Structure formats: C-alpha cells, structure tokens
C-alpha cells in the first residue's frame, strides 16, 4: 500500500505545482512566465523522485508504468494499481486548483496550438526522449541514486521549455486527463493519452536494440 500512496502523493504534488504554476500564470497575466513554468515542472519532478524513488520507483505517469512493464522491469499486475493511484492524485490536485483559482479557465490543461496530428507526433517524440532517459537511469521499481532525479527533472524542464507553447508538453496521460476534464477542455484529449504511451513503448524498443540484456530483464517482476 505504501508504494500506491507514494504514487498518489507524488503525482498530486507534480500536478499541483506544475499545472498550478500555469494557472497562476494565467490569472496573474503572465507573472510566472513560460520559463518559470518549465522550471517549476522540472524541479517538482526532481523533488518527488528524491522523495519517493526508493518507495515506488517514482513513476507518476501511466505511460512510464506501462513501458516499465513492457521492458520487464516492473510487474504487469502492478500497472493498473499504479495508474489508479496516479490518476486519483492528478484529479485531487486539479480539483484543489479549481477551488483555489476558480477564475482560471484552463487549470493547466493541455491544449495544442497546432493541428492534432502534429501535436500527436510531438507528444510521442517528447515522451520517447523522456522514457529513454528514465529507462537508462532507473530499475523500474526503484530509482538509482542521485542521477535519476537530476536527469529526469532536467529533461522535463528542457522539453517543457521548448515544446510548452505548442502542446504544453504533457508526456503523461494522468497529467492531461485530470486538468483537461476538470476544466472541461476535453477536445483532443485522446492524443495526450495515446501518444505518450506509444512514445514510451518505442523508447523501450530502442533500448532493447542498443543495450540488449542490460535494458530489460525479469529481476523486478
């Protein structure tokens, strides 16, 4: 139960701070700034990895959990439980932000500024890059020391910095489902669910091609 609680709290914290920065930026007319939002995302992810990496592996993302299971670094039977904890954490954060900032129309929702298929390809690639880093610095069930938080938080900051204005750089179905549904921005939501999962799975495939036995094993299943 501890690992599910860790996934709930970690995802809650990530969504509350990340989309919260976007909501505050919206209601204050840009006081946080795009750069500030990207930094917030990177720092909160890094912090939560250090806080809960030893407990749950610090997935905080259904696409990551699915990809780890596909890579045989995580038990498939745990995937639904992790996803439920992650989505519940995300919704708890989004409802709290809705209460705190009722004047916000988007609550940090992911809304593409380009055509749906261009956004789909971009989100797929962003998640691919993210998962390539994650799978090379973690074991699936536990994160590997100090490098994981810096590497994963850094790539999220980087991707949010350059892709945020285009797709809001979701890379995470739970991160999109909660704020989009709470704010009522559900058009195109499917791409933020499907693209990250496919991108994460492609990252595992690429890892298998490069690392072979070092990438995927059954030691944690």
C-alpha atoms as a PDB file:
ATOM      1  CA  UNK A   1       0.000   0.000   0.000  1.00  0.00           C
ATOM      2  CA  UNK A   2       2.913   2.365   0.724  1.00  0.00           C
ATOM      3  CA  UNK A   3       4.006   2.437  -2.912  1.00  0.00           C
ATOM      4  CA  UNK A   4       0.496   3.323  -4.104  1.00  0.00           C
ATOM      5  CA  UNK A   5       0.260   6.129  -1.567  1.00  0.00           C
ATOM      6  CA  UNK A   6       3.670   7.339  -2.753  1.00  0.00           C
ATOM      7  CA  UNK A   7       2.440   7.372  -6.354  1.00  0.00           C
ATOM      8  CA  UNK A   8      -0.689   9.270  -5.297  1.00  0.00           C
ATOM      9  CA  UNK A   9       1.225  11.900  -3.319  1.00  0.00           C
ATOM     10  CA  UNK A  10       3.969  12.218  -5.922  1.00  0.00           C
ATOM     11  CA  UNK A  11       1.533  12.670  -8.799  1.00  0.00           C
ATOM     12  CA  UNK A  12      -0.601  15.036  -6.734  1.00  0.00           C
ATOM     13  CA  UNK A  13       2.426  17.182  -5.911  1.00  0.00           C
ATOM     14  CA  UNK A  14       3.635  17.195  -9.506  1.00  0.00           C
ATOM     15  CA  UNK A  15       0.255  18.195 -10.950  1.00  0.00           C
ATOM     16  CA  UNK A  16      -0.488  20.707  -8.194  1.00  0.00           C
ATOM     17  CA  UNK A  17       2.804  22.549  -8.632  1.00  0.00           C
ATOM     18  CA  UNK A  18       3.186  22.158 -12.409  1.00  0.00           C
ATOM     19  CA  UNK A  19      -0.339  22.957 -13.537  1.00  0.00           C
ATOM     20  CA  UNK A  20      -0.655  25.286 -10.554  1.00  0.00           C
ATOM     21  CA  UNK A  21       2.168  27.395 -11.970  1.00  0.00           C
ATOM     22  CA  UNK A  22       0.269  27.504 -15.261  1.00  0.00           C
ATOM     23  CA  UNK A  23      -2.971  28.502 -13.529  1.00  0.00           C
ATOM     24  CA  UNK A  24      -1.241  31.226 -11.522  1.00  0.00           C
ATOM     25  CA  UNK A  25       0.431  32.479 -14.687  1.00  0.00           C
ATOM     26  CA  UNK A  26      -2.979  32.608 -16.353  1.00  0.00           C
ATOM     27  CA  UNK A  27      -4.761  34.521 -13.603  1.00  0.00           C
ATOM     28  CA  UNK A  28      -1.887  36.942 -12.976  1.00  0.00           C
ATOM     29  CA  UNK A  29      -1.384  37.885 -16.603  1.00  0.00           C
ATOM     30  CA  UNK A  30       1.938  36.103 -17.047  1.00  0.00           C
ATOM     31  CA  UNK A  31       3.733  36.774 -13.761  1.00  0.00           C
ATOM     32  CA  UNK A  32       5.197  33.273 -13.559  1.00  0.00           C
ATOM     33  CA  UNK A  33       6.328  33.305 -17.220  1.00  0.00           C
ATOM     34  CA  UNK A  34       6.859  30.381 -19.559  1.00  0.00           C
ATOM     35  CA  UNK A  35      10.390  29.859 -18.276  1.00  0.00           C
ATOM     36  CA  UNK A  36       9.126  29.838 -14.701  1.00  0.00           C
ATOM     37  CA  UNK A  37       6.545  27.187 -15.565  1.00  0.00           C
ATOM     38  CA  UNK A  38       9.172  24.963 -17.195  1.00  0.00           C
ATOM     39  CA  UNK A  39      11.473  25.312 -14.200  1.00  0.00           C
ATOM     40  CA  UNK A  40       8.606  24.501 -11.833  1.00  0.00           C
ATOM     41  CA  UNK A  41       7.858  21.268 -13.710  1.00  0.00           C
ATOM     42  CA  UNK A  42      11.487  20.211 -13.693  1.00  0.00           C
ATOM     43  CA  UNK A  43      12.061  20.971 -10.033  1.00  0.00           C
ATOM     44  CA  UNK A  44       8.893  19.323  -8.693  1.00  0.00           C
ATOM     45  CA  UNK A  45       9.555  16.139 -10.666  1.00  0.00           C
ATOM     46  CA  UNK A  46      13.131  16.054  -9.415  1.00  0.00           C
ATOM     47  CA  UNK A  47      11.997  16.616  -5.827  1.00  0.00           C
ATOM     48  CA  UNK A  48       9.353  13.889  -5.955  1.00  0.00           C
ATOM     49  CA  UNK A  49      11.827  11.385  -7.399  1.00  0.00           C
ATOM     50  CA  UNK A  50      14.122  12.018  -4.443  1.00  0.00           C
ATOM     51  CA  UNK A  51      11.180  11.825  -2.058  1.00  0.00           C
ATOM     52  CA  UNK A  52       9.567   8.609  -3.334  1.00  0.00           C
ATOM     53  CA  UNK A  53      12.017   6.917  -5.682  1.00  0.00           C
ATOM     54  CA  UNK A  54      13.003   4.312  -3.094  1.00  0.00           C
ATOM     55  CA  UNK A  55       9.368   3.587  -2.222  1.00  0.00           C
ATOM     56  CA  UNK A  56       7.562   3.245  -5.551  1.00  0.00           C
ATOM     57  CA  UNK A  57      10.096   3.923  -8.273  1.00  0.00           C
ATOM     58  CA  UNK A  58       8.570   7.392  -8.722  1.00  0.00           C
ATOM     59  CA  UNK A  59       6.676   6.702 -11.943  1.00  0.00           C
ATOM     60  CA  UNK A  60       3.918   9.336 -11.510  1.00  0.00           C
ATOM     61  CA  UNK A  61       2.936   8.589 -15.118  1.00  0.00           C
ATOM     62  CA  UNK A  62       0.790   5.776 -16.592  1.00  0.00           C
ATOM     63  CA  UNK A  63       2.907   5.714 -19.743  1.00  0.00           C
ATOM     64  CA  UNK A  64       6.038   5.113 -17.675  1.00  0.00           C
ATOM     65  CA  UNK A  65       4.411   2.317 -15.682  1.00  0.00           C
ATOM     66  CA  UNK A  66       3.222   0.600 -18.867  1.00  0.00           C
ATOM     67  CA  UNK A  67       6.624   0.974 -20.511  1.00  0.00           C
ATOM     68  CA  UNK A  68       8.466  -0.425 -17.481  1.00  0.00           C
ATOM     69  CA  UNK A  69       6.165  -3.449 -17.511  1.00  0.00           C
ATOM     70  CA  UNK A  70       6.790  -3.938 -21.225  1.00  0.00           C
ATOM     71  CA  UNK A  71      10.521  -3.760 -20.513  1.00  0.00           C
ATOM     72  CA  UNK A  72      10.103  -6.458 -17.831  1.00  0.00           C
ATOM     73  CA  UNK A  73      11.399  -4.091 -15.178  1.00  0.00           C
ATOM     74  CA  UNK A  74       8.015  -3.892 -13.452  1.00  0.00           C
ATOM     75  CA  UNK A  75       5.231  -6.405 -12.820  1.00  0.00           C
ATOM     76  CA  UNK A  76       2.203  -6.093 -15.123  1.00  0.00           C
ATOM     77  CA  UNK A  77      -0.109  -6.849 -12.204  1.00  0.00           C
ATOM     78  CA  UNK A  78       1.037  -3.624 -10.550  1.00  0.00           C
ATOM     79  CA  UNK A  79       0.314  -1.420 -13.561  1.00  0.00           C
ATOM     80  CA  UNK A  80      -3.467  -0.934 -13.030  1.00  0.00           C
ATOM     81  CA  UNK A  81      -2.931  -0.132  -9.338  1.00  0.00           C
ATOM     82  CA  UNK A  82      -0.232   2.407 -10.145  1.00  0.00           C
ATOM     83  CA  UNK A  83      -2.372   4.026 -12.835  1.00  0.00           C
ATOM     84  CA  UNK A  84      -5.350   4.349 -10.485  1.00  0.00           C
ATOM     85  CA  UNK A  85      -3.153   5.958  -7.815  1.00  0.00           C
ATOM     86  CA  UNK A  86      -1.622   8.336 -10.365  1.00  0.00           C
ATOM     87  CA  UNK A  87      -4.945   9.422 -11.858  1.00  0.00           C
ATOM     88  CA  UNK A  88      -6.539   9.890  -8.430  1.00  0.00           C
ATOM     89  CA  UNK A  89      -3.585  12.024  -7.364  1.00  0.00           C
ATOM     90  CA  UNK A  90      -3.872  14.107 -10.515  1.00  0.00           C
ATOM     91  CA  UNK A  91      -7.611  14.660 -10.048  1.00  0.00           C
ATOM     92  CA  UNK A  92      -7.136  15.606  -6.393  1.00  0.00           C
ATOM     93  CA  UNK A  93      -4.627  18.258  -7.457  1.00  0.00           C
ATOM     94  CA  UNK A  94      -6.808  19.584 -10.267  1.00  0.00           C
ATOM     95  CA  UNK A  95      -9.905  19.852  -8.069  1.00  0.00           C
ATOM     96  CA  UNK A  96      -7.895  21.693  -5.442  1.00  0.00           C
ATOM     97  CA  UNK A  97      -6.586  24.118  -8.065  1.00  0.00           C
ATOM     98  CA  UNK A  98     -10.151  24.606  -9.319  1.00  0.00           C
ATOM     99  CA  UNK A  99     -11.121  25.564  -5.764  1.00  0.00           C
ATOM    100  CA  UNK A 100      -8.128  27.873  -5.296  1.00  0.00           C
ATOM    101  CA  UNK A 101      -8.245  29.549  -8.717  1.00  0.00           C
ATOM    102  CA  UNK A 102     -11.856  29.475  -9.986  1.00  0.00           C
ATOM    103  CA  UNK A 103     -11.047  32.328 -12.374  1.00  0.00           C
ATOM    104  CA  UNK A 104      -8.662  30.073 -14.304  1.00  0.00           C
ATOM    105  CA  UNK A 105     -10.283  28.753 -17.477  1.00  0.00           C
ATOM    106  CA  UNK A 106      -7.710  26.053 -18.241  1.00  0.00           C
ATOM    107  CA  UNK A 107      -6.224  24.960 -14.882  1.00  0.00           C
ATOM    108  CA  UNK A 108      -3.069  23.965 -16.731  1.00  0.00           C
ATOM    109  CA  UNK A 109      -4.913  21.812 -19.268  1.00  0.00           C
ATOM    110  CA  UNK A 110      -3.007  20.545 -22.289  1.00  0.00           C
ATOM    111  CA  UNK A 111      -4.382  22.318 -25.357  1.00  0.00           C
ATOM    112  CA  UNK A 112      -2.398  22.096 -28.617  1.00  0.00           C
ATOM    113  CA  UNK A 113      -1.770  25.205 -30.691  1.00  0.00           C
ATOM    114  CA  UNK A 114      -1.113  23.173 -33.847  1.00  0.00           C
ATOM    115  CA  UNK A 115      -3.118  20.536 -35.714  1.00  0.00           C
ATOM    116  CA  UNK A 116      -3.974  17.389 -33.791  1.00  0.00           C
ATOM    117  CA  UNK A 117      -1.635  15.096 -35.725  1.00  0.00           C
ATOM    118  CA  UNK A 118       1.315  17.463 -35.421  1.00  0.00           C
ATOM    119  CA  UNK A 119       0.657  17.643 -31.695  1.00  0.00           C
ATOM    120  CA  UNK A 120       0.401  13.842 -31.602  1.00  0.00           C
ATOM    121  CA  UNK A 121       3.809  13.399 -33.233  1.00  0.00           C
ATOM    122  CA  UNK A 122       5.400  15.990 -30.975  1.00  0.00           C
ATOM    123  CA  UNK A 123       3.980  14.428 -27.803  1.00  0.00           C
ATOM    124  CA  UNK A 124       5.111  10.991 -28.969  1.00  0.00           C
ATOM    125  CA  UNK A 125       8.654  12.254 -29.517  1.00  0.00           C
ATOM    126  CA  UNK A 126       8.755  14.168 -26.241  1.00  0.00           C
ATOM    127  CA  UNK A 127       7.730  11.066 -24.308  1.00  0.00           C
ATOM    128  CA  UNK A 128      10.186   8.960 -26.289  1.00  0.00           C
ATOM    129  CA  UNK A 129      13.052  11.229 -25.229  1.00  0.00           C
ATOM    130  CA  UNK A 130      11.821  11.262 -21.641  1.00  0.00           C
ATOM    131  CA  UNK A 131      11.482   7.477 -21.423  1.00  0.00           C
ATOM    132  CA  UNK A 132      14.896   6.931 -23.000  1.00  0.00           C
ATOM    133  CA  UNK A 133      16.371   8.866 -20.093  1.00  0.00           C
ATOM    134  CA  UNK A 134      14.169   7.233 -17.454  1.00  0.00           C
ATOM    135  CA  UNK A 135      14.838   3.657 -18.512  1.00  0.00           C
ATOM    136  CA  UNK A 136      18.589   4.267 -18.539  1.00  0.00           C
ATOM    137  CA  UNK A 137      18.777   5.733 -15.032  1.00  0.00           C
ATOM    138  CA  UNK A 138      16.302   3.528 -13.169  1.00  0.00           C
ATOM    139  CA  UNK A 139      15.391  -0.063 -12.435  1.00  0.00           C
ATOM    140  CA  UNK A 140      11.608   0.312 -12.625  1.00  0.00           C
ATOM    141  CA  UNK A 141      10.878  -0.476  -9.000  1.00  0.00           C
ATOM    142  CA  UNK A 142      13.500   1.853  -7.510  1.00  0.00           C
ATOM    143  CA  UNK A 143      15.370   4.844  -8.833  1.00  0.00           C
ATOM    144  CA  UNK A 144      19.168   4.673  -8.998  1.00  0.00           C
ATOM    145  CA  UNK A 145      20.732   7.223  -6.677  1.00  0.00           C
ATOM    146  CA  UNK A 146      21.176  10.918  -7.236  1.00  0.00           C
ATOM    147  CA  UNK A 147      21.425  10.794 -11.028  1.00  0.00           C
ATOM    148  CA  UNK A 148      17.781   9.844 -11.632  1.00  0.00           C
ATOM    149  CA  UNK A 149      16.230  12.989 -10.183  1.00  0.00           C
ATOM    150  CA  UNK A 150      18.607  15.338 -11.958  1.00  0.00           C
ATOM    151  CA  UNK A 151      18.369  13.538 -15.307  1.00  0.00           C
ATOM    152  CA  UNK A 152      14.596  13.115 -15.387  1.00  0.00           C
ATOM    153  CA  UNK A 153      13.827  16.541 -13.928  1.00  0.00           C
ATOM    154  CA  UNK A 154      16.283  18.089 -16.373  1.00  0.00           C
ATOM    155  CA  UNK A 155      14.760  16.527 -19.474  1.00  0.00           C
ATOM    156  CA  UNK A 156      11.246  17.517 -18.364  1.00  0.00           C
ATOM    157  CA  UNK A 157      12.417  21.100 -17.838  1.00  0.00           C
ATOM    158  CA  UNK A 158      14.086  21.064 -21.251  1.00  0.00           C
ATOM    159  CA  UNK A 159      11.057  19.691 -23.078  1.00  0.00           C
ATOM    160  CA  UNK A 160       8.617  21.964 -21.267  1.00  0.00           C
ATOM    161  CA  UNK A 161      10.834  24.897 -22.202  1.00  0.00           C
ATOM    162  CA  UNK A 162      10.752  24.404 -25.952  1.00  0.00           C
ATOM    163  CA  UNK A 163       7.532  22.423 -26.530  1.00  0.00           C
ATOM    164  CA  UNK A 164       5.311  24.005 -23.893  1.00  0.00           C
ATOM    165  CA  UNK A 165       3.985  26.732 -26.209  1.00  0.00           C
ATOM    166  CA  UNK A 166       2.963  24.093 -28.776  1.00  0.00           C
ATOM    167  CA  UNK A 167       1.374  21.208 -26.818  1.00  0.00           C
ATOM    168  CA  UNK A 168       2.002  22.150 -23.170  1.00  0.00           C
ATOM    169  CA  UNK A 169       4.476  19.226 -23.152  1.00  0.00           C
ATOM    170  CA  UNK A 170       2.333  16.706 -21.314  1.00  0.00           C
ATOM    171  CA  UNK A 171       4.198  13.393 -21.804  1.00  0.00           C
ATOM    172  CA  UNK A 172       1.841  11.956 -19.206  1.00  0.00           C
ATOM    173  CA  UNK A 173      -1.782  10.758 -19.618  1.00  0.00           C
ATOM    174  CA  UNK A 174      -2.635  11.441 -15.959  1.00  0.00           C
ATOM    175  CA  UNK A 175      -1.218  14.957 -16.229  1.00  0.00           C
ATOM    176  CA  UNK A 176      -3.612  15.677 -19.121  1.00  0.00           C
ATOM    177  CA  UNK A 177      -6.702  13.714 -18.113  1.00  0.00           C
ATOM    178  CA  UNK A 178      -7.265  15.466 -14.779  1.00  0.00           C
ATOM    179  CA  UNK A 179      -6.882  19.185 -15.619  1.00  0.00           C
ATOM    180  CA  UNK A 180      -8.499  18.776 -19.019  1.00  0.00           C
ATOM    181  CA  UNK A 181     -11.580  17.067 -17.621  1.00  0.00           C
ATOM    182  CA  UNK A 182     -11.901  19.328 -14.573  1.00  0.00           C
ATOM    183  CA  UNK A 183     -11.623  22.442 -16.755  1.00  0.00           C
ATOM    184  CA  UNK A 184     -13.846  20.985 -19.495  1.00  0.00           C
ATOM    185  CA  UNK A 185     -11.164  21.057 -22.205  1.00  0.00           C
ATOM    186  CA  UNK A 186     -11.595  17.508 -23.469  1.00  0.00           C
ATOM    187  CA  UNK A 187     -11.254  18.055 -27.216  1.00  0.00           C
ATOM    188  CA  UNK A 188      -8.122  16.287 -28.427  1.00  0.00           C
ATOM    189  CA  UNK A 189      -7.570  14.647 -25.051  1.00  0.00           C
ATOM    190  CA  UNK A 190      -7.137  11.271 -26.738  1.00  0.00           C
ATOM    191  CA  UNK A 191      -3.809  12.313 -28.247  1.00  0.00           C
ATOM    192  CA  UNK A 192      -2.416  13.120 -24.793  1.00  0.00           C
ATOM    193  CA  UNK A 193      -3.342   9.600 -23.693  1.00  0.00           C
ATOM    194  CA  UNK A 194      -2.218   7.594 -26.709  1.00  0.00           C
ATOM    195  CA  UNK A 195       0.888   9.479 -27.863  1.00  0.00           C
ATOM    196  CA  UNK A 196       2.770   9.276 -24.516  1.00  0.00           C
ATOM    197  CA  UNK A 197       2.083   5.540 -24.212  1.00  0.00           C
ATOM    198  CA  UNK A 198       3.315   4.843 -27.739  1.00  0.00           C
ATOM    199  CA  UNK A 199       6.335   7.097 -27.263  1.00  0.00           C
ATOM    200  CA  UNK A 200       7.302   5.355 -24.030  1.00  0.00           C
ATOM    201  CA  UNK A 201       6.950   1.915 -25.621  1.00  0.00           C
ATOM    202  CA  UNK A 202       9.118   2.988 -28.567  1.00  0.00           C
ATOM    203  CA  UNK A 203      11.780   4.106 -26.096  1.00  0.00           C
ATOM    204  CA  UNK A 204      11.836   0.609 -24.618  1.00  0.00           C
ATOM    205  CA  UNK A 205      12.188  -0.884 -28.091  1.00  0.00           C
ATOM    206  CA  UNK A 206      15.120   1.418 -28.826  1.00  0.00           C
ATOM    207  CA  UNK A 207      16.721   0.473 -25.522  1.00  0.00           C
ATOM    208  CA  UNK A 208      16.421  -3.218 -26.379  1.00  0.00           C
ATOM    209  CA  UNK A 209      18.148  -2.594 -29.705  1.00  0.00           C
ATOM    210  CA  UNK A 210      21.010  -0.728 -28.074  1.00  0.00           C
ATOM    211  CA  UNK A 211      21.539  -2.408 -24.711  1.00  0.00           C
ATOM    212  CA  UNK A 212      20.063  -5.855 -25.236  1.00  0.00           C
ATOM    213  CA  UNK A 213      20.197  -7.785 -21.939  1.00  0.00           C
ATOM    214  CA  UNK A 214      21.213  -4.750 -19.888  1.00  0.00           C
ATOM    215  CA  UNK A 215      17.966  -2.964 -20.752  1.00  0.00           C
ATOM    216  CA  UNK A 216      15.239  -5.434 -19.998  1.00  0.00           C
ATOM    217  CA  UNK A 217      15.192  -8.280 -17.515  1.00  0.00           C
ATOM    218  CA  UNK A 218      12.801 -10.042 -15.173  1.00  0.00           C
ATOM    219  CA  UNK A 219      14.605  -9.354 -11.909  1.00  0.00           C
ATOM    220  CA  UNK A 220      11.938  -6.921 -10.700  1.00  0.00           C
ATOM    221  CA  UNK A 221       8.846  -8.794 -11.886  1.00  0.00           C
END
